[in-house]
């Protein structure tokens, strides 16, 4: 047994048993660790996105990193079933290809798509660099710890332009990519949240000749409304 790993995983289990949130004192007592040791482990988890501090309280919550792991263990089909009606509504209104993407490591993976007569759908399972695509920048902007980790990775080329774009996405609530991966193709994406955490991104793409920046912004506002209405339906 490696004691440091055992302690770290025990802390995550304690937070999970408390319903996903617990205070530092309670965690340290349950783990039989000093507050200092517990705080250092939690601080490391927070930097990696596995826990997060409450904004208006002193509790630690399980973060998006844990949800990414749980997603990979088998809830993809449930997510596809939940959001496919939303993809269809967006496709009908926009007459463009719409797709659902999830975070998979440092890449985004196309989980589902609805094609139109104007353009073929992107292949299910296709992966793209998280730092370059519109859907990827949704995760960079809203998944705690992901952007900071990639910036610190010497193998990742996070340019000043990408940093500025991610900050813009965080401010606007949606992302726009103009021919960043495929020449002649533009894309817009919006986040899908569950329990306040970004679980997926919904993207819309098409030829740049048809999808100007103004058109993409208009589609983004429509997509946000559809996502909000979808969320309301699933929670009622």
Protein backbone atom coordinates (compact mmCIF):
# COMPACT_ATOMS: atom_id res chain seq x y z
CA UNK A 1 0.00 0.00 0.00
CA UNK A 2 1.18 3.51 -0.84
CA UNK A 3 0.00 5.56 2.11
CA UNK A 4 -0.24 8.91 0.33
CA UNK A 5 -2.53 7.46 -2.36
CA UNK A 6 -4.59 5.65 0.27
CA UNK A 7 -5.09 8.90 2.19
CA UNK A 8 -6.00 10.87 -0.93
CA UNK A 9 -8.62 8.38 -2.10
CA UNK A 10 -10.04 8.12 1.43
CA UNK A 11 -10.64 11.89 1.38
CA UNK A 12 -12.59 11.62 -1.88
CA UNK A 13 -14.64 8.75 -0.43
CA UNK A 14 -15.44 10.80 2.68
CA UNK A 15 -16.70 13.71 0.58
CA UNK A 16 -18.76 11.30 -1.54
CA UNK A 17 -20.31 9.64 1.54
CA UNK A 18 -21.34 13.06 2.82
CA UNK A 19 -23.37 13.63 -0.32
CA UNK A 20 -20.63 15.33 -2.34
CA UNK A 21 -19.69 18.11 0.09
CA UNK A 22 -17.92 18.31 3.47
CA UNK A 23 -15.95 20.76 5.59
CA UNK A 24 -12.21 20.52 6.17
CA UNK A 25 -12.58 19.77 9.89
CA UNK A 26 -15.04 16.94 9.26
CA UNK A 27 -12.86 15.44 6.50
CA UNK A 28 -9.69 15.54 8.63
CA UNK A 29 -11.48 13.95 11.61
CA UNK A 30 -12.98 11.16 9.52
CA UNK A 31 -9.67 10.51 7.75
CA UNK A 32 -7.75 10.75 11.06
CA UNK A 33 -5.34 13.24 9.50
CA UNK A 34 -4.17 16.65 10.62
CA UNK A 35 -5.92 19.66 9.12
CA UNK A 36 -2.65 20.66 7.45
CA UNK A 37 -2.22 17.31 5.71
CA UNK A 38 -5.88 17.21 4.72
CA UNK A 39 -5.75 20.77 3.39
CA UNK A 40 -2.66 20.02 1.27
CA UNK A 41 -4.30 16.96 -0.29
CA UNK A 42 -7.50 18.92 -0.99
CA UNK A 43 -5.48 21.78 -2.48
CA UNK A 44 -3.82 19.32 -4.87
CA UNK A 45 -7.18 17.80 -5.82
CA UNK A 46 -8.58 21.30 -6.42
CA UNK A 47 -5.73 22.19 -8.78
CA UNK A 48 -6.53 19.03 -10.78
CA UNK A 49 -10.27 19.67 -10.83
CA UNK A 50 -11.26 16.74 -8.60
CA UNK A 51 -12.62 18.94 -5.80
CA UNK A 52 -13.60 22.59 -5.54
CA UNK A 53 -14.16 25.07 -2.72
CA UNK A 54 -17.60 26.51 -2.18
CA UNK A 55 -17.97 30.15 -3.17
CA UNK A 56 -20.26 31.15 -0.32
CA UNK A 57 -19.30 28.52 2.27
CA UNK A 58 -16.29 26.62 3.60
CA UNK A 59 -17.15 23.22 2.19
CA UNK A 60 -15.24 21.15 -0.34
CA UNK A 61 -17.25 19.66 -3.21
CA UNK A 62 -16.49 16.88 -5.66
CA UNK A 63 -15.38 18.51 -8.91
CA UNK A 64 -15.75 17.98 -12.63
CA UNK A 65 -12.69 15.70 -12.75
CA UNK A 66 -14.60 13.06 -10.83
CA UNK A 67 -17.53 13.42 -13.21
CA UNK A 68 -15.24 12.94 -16.20
CA UNK A 69 -14.07 9.64 -14.73
CA UNK A 70 -17.63 8.53 -13.99
CA UNK A 71 -18.65 9.48 -17.54
CA UNK A 72 -16.00 7.22 -18.94
CA UNK A 73 -17.35 4.29 -16.93
CA UNK A 74 -20.67 4.11 -18.71
CA UNK A 75 -23.18 6.98 -18.61
CA UNK A 76 -22.59 8.03 -22.24
CA UNK A 77 -25.76 6.30 -23.45
CA UNK A 78 -27.86 8.01 -20.79
CA UNK A 79 -26.42 11.39 -21.77
CA UNK A 80 -27.11 10.73 -25.46
CA UNK A 81 -30.69 9.72 -24.71
CA UNK A 82 -31.22 12.77 -22.55
CA UNK A 83 -29.90 15.31 -25.05
CA UNK A 84 -30.85 13.84 -28.43
CA UNK A 85 -34.22 15.67 -28.50
CA UNK A 86 -32.35 18.92 -27.85
CA UNK A 87 -29.94 18.19 -30.71
CA UNK A 88 -32.89 17.59 -33.03
CA UNK A 89 -34.62 20.84 -32.06
CA UNK A 90 -31.44 22.85 -32.62
CA UNK A 91 -30.83 21.14 -35.97
CA UNK A 92 -34.40 21.83 -37.09
CA UNK A 93 -34.14 25.51 -36.21
CA UNK A 94 -30.66 26.09 -37.60
CA UNK A 95 -30.71 23.69 -40.58
CA UNK A 96 -27.10 22.89 -39.65
CA UNK A 97 -25.27 19.87 -38.28
CA UNK A 98 -25.45 19.66 -34.48
CA UNK A 99 -23.39 17.38 -32.28
CA UNK A 100 -22.80 16.41 -28.68
CA UNK A 101 -19.25 16.29 -27.31
CA UNK A 102 -17.76 15.18 -24.01
CA UNK A 103 -14.36 15.63 -22.43
CA UNK A 104 -12.03 12.64 -22.67
CA UNK A 105 -8.65 13.36 -21.12
CA UNK A 106 -7.16 16.32 -22.98
CA UNK A 107 -9.39 15.77 -26.01
CA UNK A 108 -13.04 16.18 -26.82
CA UNK A 109 -14.95 13.24 -28.23
CA UNK A 110 -18.03 13.43 -30.47
CA UNK A 111 -20.66 11.37 -28.68
CA UNK A 112 -23.69 11.95 -30.91
CA UNK A 113 -24.73 14.05 -33.90
CA UNK A 114 -27.74 15.07 -35.97
CA UNK A 115 -26.97 15.82 -39.59
CA UNK A 116 -28.81 18.02 -42.07
CA UNK A 117 -29.25 17.71 -45.80
CA UNK A 118 -26.68 20.50 -46.22
CA UNK A 119 -23.74 18.73 -44.60
CA UNK A 120 -22.67 15.28 -43.46
CA UNK A 121 -22.35 14.65 -39.76
CA UNK A 122 -18.94 14.32 -38.16
CA UNK A 123 -18.04 10.71 -37.29
CA UNK A 124 -19.19 9.50 -33.88
CA UNK A 125 -16.12 8.92 -31.74
CA UNK A 126 -14.04 11.52 -33.59
CA UNK A 127 -11.61 13.33 -31.30
CA UNK A 128 -10.23 16.87 -31.43
CA UNK A 129 -7.63 18.76 -29.38
CA UNK A 130 -9.36 20.44 -26.47
CA UNK A 131 -7.40 23.66 -26.98
CA UNK A 132 -8.43 24.29 -30.59
CA UNK A 133 -12.10 23.44 -31.08
CA UNK A 134 -15.17 25.45 -30.07
CA UNK A 135 -16.48 22.58 -27.94
CA UNK A 136 -13.05 22.12 -26.41
CA UNK A 137 -12.90 25.74 -25.34
CA UNK A 138 -16.19 25.25 -23.49
CA UNK A 139 -14.45 22.71 -21.27
CA UNK A 140 -11.33 24.88 -20.92
CA UNK A 141 -13.47 27.79 -19.78
CA UNK A 142 -15.76 25.94 -17.38
CA UNK A 143 -14.08 22.75 -16.08
CA UNK A 144 -12.09 23.71 -12.96
CA UNK A 145 -8.37 23.04 -13.16
CA UNK A 146 -8.29 21.88 -16.79
CA UNK A 147 -6.99 25.10 -18.36
CA UNK A 148 -4.38 25.62 -15.63
CA UNK A 149 -3.12 22.06 -16.03
CA UNK A 150 -2.77 22.39 -19.81
CA UNK A 151 -0.97 25.72 -19.47
CA UNK A 152 1.56 24.05 -17.18
CA UNK A 153 2.07 21.13 -19.58
CA UNK A 154 5.17 21.72 -21.76
CA UNK A 155 3.70 19.46 -24.46
CA UNK A 156 0.67 21.73 -24.88
CA UNK A 157 0.95 24.90 -26.94
CA UNK A 158 -1.40 27.29 -25.15
CA UNK A 159 -0.85 30.56 -26.99
CA UNK A 160 -1.83 34.01 -25.83
CA UNK A 161 -4.59 33.94 -28.44
CA UNK A 162 -6.06 30.75 -26.95
CA UNK A 163 -5.87 32.22 -23.44
CA UNK A 164 -7.73 35.33 -24.59
CA UNK A 165 -10.35 33.22 -26.37
CA UNK A 166 -10.96 31.03 -23.30
CA UNK A 167 -11.40 34.13 -21.14
CA UNK A 168 -13.89 35.46 -23.70
CA UNK A 169 -15.80 32.16 -23.66
CA UNK A 170 -16.00 32.25 -19.86
CA UNK A 171 -17.44 35.75 -20.07
CA UNK A 172 -19.92 35.17 -22.94
CA UNK A 173 -21.09 31.66 -22.02
CA UNK A 174 -20.51 30.22 -25.51
CA UNK A 175 -17.60 29.72 -27.89
CA UNK A 176 -17.02 30.48 -31.56
CA UNK A 177 -14.30 28.91 -33.72
CA UNK A 178 -13.57 30.27 -37.19
CA UNK A 179 -11.77 27.68 -39.34
CA UNK A 180 -9.56 26.63 -36.42
CA UNK A 181 -9.37 22.92 -37.31
CA UNK A 182 -11.00 22.36 -40.68
CA UNK A 183 -10.46 24.99 -43.41
CA UNK A 184 -13.71 26.54 -44.55
CA UNK A 185 -15.64 25.32 -41.49
CA UNK A 186 -16.94 27.44 -38.63
CA UNK A 187 -18.43 26.26 -35.34
CA UNK A 188 -20.25 27.51 -32.26
CA UNK A 189 -20.73 25.62 -28.98
CA UNK A 190 -22.62 25.99 -25.71
CA UNK A 191 -22.26 24.10 -22.40
CA UNK A 192 -24.61 21.53 -20.92
CA UNK A 193 -24.63 21.49 -17.11
CA UNK A 194 -25.87 19.04 -14.52
CA UNK A 195 -25.82 20.03 -10.85
CA UNK A 196 -23.89 23.13 -11.84
CA UNK A 197 -21.06 21.21 -13.53
CA UNK A 198 -20.36 21.23 -17.27
CA UNK A 199 -20.89 17.64 -18.39
CA UNK A 200 -20.98 18.14 -22.15
CA UNK A 201 -20.92 20.68 -24.95
CA UNK A 202 -23.36 21.03 -27.82
CA UNK A 203 -21.78 22.24 -31.04
CA UNK A 204 -23.11 23.47 -34.37
CA UNK A 205 -20.93 23.60 -37.46
CA UNK A 206 -21.08 24.41 -41.15
CA UNK A 207 -19.29 26.12 -44.05
CA UNK A 208 -17.79 29.50 -43.25
CA UNK A 209 -19.43 30.94 -46.38
CA UNK A 210 -22.82 30.27 -44.78
CA UNK A 211 -22.00 30.69 -41.09
CA UNK A 212 -20.59 34.17 -40.53
CA UNK A 213 -19.57 35.31 -37.06
CA UNK A 214 -22.89 37.17 -36.77
CA UNK A 215 -24.83 34.04 -37.76
CA UNK A 216 -22.89 31.94 -35.24
CA UNK A 217 -23.73 34.34 -32.40
CA UNK A 218 -27.40 34.24 -33.38
CA UNK A 219 -27.31 30.43 -33.35
CA UNK A 220 -25.54 30.48 -29.98
CA UNK A 221 -28.33 32.49 -28.37
CA UNK A 222 -30.92 30.09 -29.78
CA UNK A 223 -28.89 27.08 -28.55
CA UNK A 224 -28.64 28.53 -25.05
CA UNK A 225 -32.43 28.96 -24.94
CA UNK A 226 -32.95 25.39 -26.11
CA UNK A 227 -30.50 24.03 -23.52
CA UNK A 228 -32.21 26.02 -20.74
CA UNK A 229 -35.62 24.72 -21.79
CA UNK A 230 -34.25 21.19 -21.99
CA UNK A 231 -32.80 21.51 -18.49
CA UNK A 232 -36.14 22.75 -17.19
CA UNK A 233 -37.93 19.77 -18.72
CA UNK A 234 -35.49 17.23 -17.24
CA UNK A 235 -35.73 18.72 -13.73
CA UNK A 236 -39.54 18.96 -13.61
